[in-house]
Amino acid sequence: MAEIAFERGLRRLRVAGPCTARDSTALREAVDVHGRSAARLTIDLTGVPSISPEVVSVLADSVGAVEAEGCRVTIVRKCSSDVDHALRELHR
């Protein structure tokens, strides 16, 4: 199970560990809570070695929802990682 922590001063949601479908609800709730309460949010996935398609879908939906309400979201991940490839597939 992934660890999800919010760093208030940096407005950063840090996720670490493999993200499986079981993490979908917790990630959705974290993005919703922290994205709705600020003008910007960084989601740091650099500590995530793998991410399930369910989590990618939830992340896309949650980010879209908070961005529609005015929050600017930045997603950080390791270049050319499995997570990077999974997120890039969203734009194809």
Protein backbone atom coordinates (compact mmCIF):
# COMPACT_ATOMS: atom_id res chain seq x y z
CA MET A 1 0.00 0.00 0.00
CA ALA A 2 1.27 3.46 -0.89
CA GLU A 3 2.07 6.09 1.69
CA ILE A 4 0.39 9.44 1.09
CA ALA A 5 1.57 12.50 3.01
CA PHE A 6 0.74 16.17 2.62
CA GLU A 7 3.46 18.77 3.12
CA ARG A 8 1.47 21.89 3.92
CA GLY A 9 4.23 24.48 3.51
CA LEU A 10 5.07 23.23 0.03
CA ARG A 11 1.46 22.44 -0.94
CA ARG A 12 2.84 19.04 -1.94
CA LEU A 13 1.13 15.68 -1.81
CA ARG A 14 3.93 13.13 -1.61
CA VAL A 15 3.13 9.56 -2.60
CA ALA A 16 5.59 6.72 -1.98
CA GLY A 17 5.52 3.01 -2.67
CA PRO A 18 3.67 0.97 -5.26
CA CYS A 19 0.20 2.36 -6.04
CA THR A 20 -2.38 -0.36 -6.51
CA ALA A 21 -6.12 -0.25 -6.99
CA ARG A 22 -6.45 -0.40 -3.20
CA ASP A 23 -4.87 3.07 -3.01
CA SER A 24 -7.39 4.67 -5.36
CA THR A 25 -9.82 5.91 -2.73
CA ALA A 26 -7.15 7.35 -0.45
CA LEU A 27 -5.47 9.14 -3.35
CA ARG A 28 -8.78 10.53 -4.62
CA GLU A 29 -9.64 11.84 -1.16
CA ALA A 30 -6.20 13.40 -0.68
CA VAL A 31 -6.29 15.20 -4.03
CA ASP A 32 -9.85 16.38 -3.41
CA VAL A 33 -9.19 17.68 0.10
CA HIS A 34 -5.88 19.39 -0.60
CA GLY A 35 -6.68 20.52 -4.14
CA ARG A 36 -9.93 22.19 -3.17
CA SER A 37 -8.32 24.18 -0.38
CA ALA A 38 -5.57 25.89 -2.40
CA ALA A 39 -4.74 27.63 -5.64
CA ARG A 40 -1.96 25.15 -6.40
CA LEU A 41 -0.99 21.60 -5.55
CA THR A 42 2.04 19.51 -6.44
CA ILE A 43 1.59 15.76 -6.55
CA ASP A 44 4.99 14.12 -6.10
CA LEU A 45 5.11 10.60 -7.52
CA THR A 46 8.91 10.32 -7.60
CA GLY A 47 8.75 7.71 -4.84
CA VAL A 48 6.26 5.53 -6.73
CA PRO A 49 7.89 2.61 -8.56
CA SER A 50 4.67 1.33 -10.13
CA ILE A 51 1.10 2.53 -10.59
CA SER A 52 -2.01 0.58 -11.53
CA PRO A 53 -4.32 1.66 -14.36
CA GLU A 54 -7.07 2.22 -11.77
CA VAL A 55 -4.92 4.71 -9.90
CA VAL A 56 -3.97 6.50 -13.12
CA SER A 57 -7.67 6.86 -13.94
CA VAL A 58 -8.55 8.10 -10.46
CA LEU A 59 -5.65 10.53 -10.53
CA ALA A 60 -6.75 11.92 -13.89
CA ASP A 61 -10.35 12.33 -12.71
CA SER A 62 -9.40 13.90 -9.38
CA VAL A 63 -6.91 16.30 -10.90
CA GLY A 64 -9.43 17.29 -13.55
CA ALA A 65 -12.04 18.00 -10.89
CA VAL A 66 -9.84 20.24 -8.74
CA GLU A 67 -8.43 22.02 -11.78
CA ALA A 68 -11.97 22.77 -12.91
CA GLU A 69 -12.43 24.52 -9.56
CA GLY A 70 -9.33 26.67 -10.09
CA CYS A 71 -6.48 24.70 -8.52
CA ARG A 72 -3.32 24.46 -10.63
CA VAL A 73 -1.90 20.95 -10.29
CA THR A 74 1.63 19.84 -11.12
CA ILE A 75 2.48 16.15 -11.18
CA VAL A 76 6.14 15.29 -10.62
CA ARG A 77 7.51 11.86 -11.48
CA LYS A 78 10.78 10.26 -12.54
CA CYS A 79 11.46 10.64 -16.24
CA SER A 80 11.09 7.42 -18.27
CA SER A 81 9.80 5.50 -15.24
CA ASP A 82 6.85 3.11 -15.32
CA VAL A 83 4.78 5.88 -13.72
CA ASP A 84 5.89 8.37 -16.38
CA HIS A 85 4.93 5.95 -19.15
CA ALA A 86 1.54 5.23 -17.57
CA LEU A 87 0.73 8.94 -17.24
CA ARG A 88 1.89 9.69 -20.78
CA GLU A 89 -0.56 7.10 -22.08
CA LEU A 90 -3.37 9.37 -20.88
CA HIS A 91 -2.45 11.91 -23.53
CA ARG A 92 -2.46 9.51 -26.46
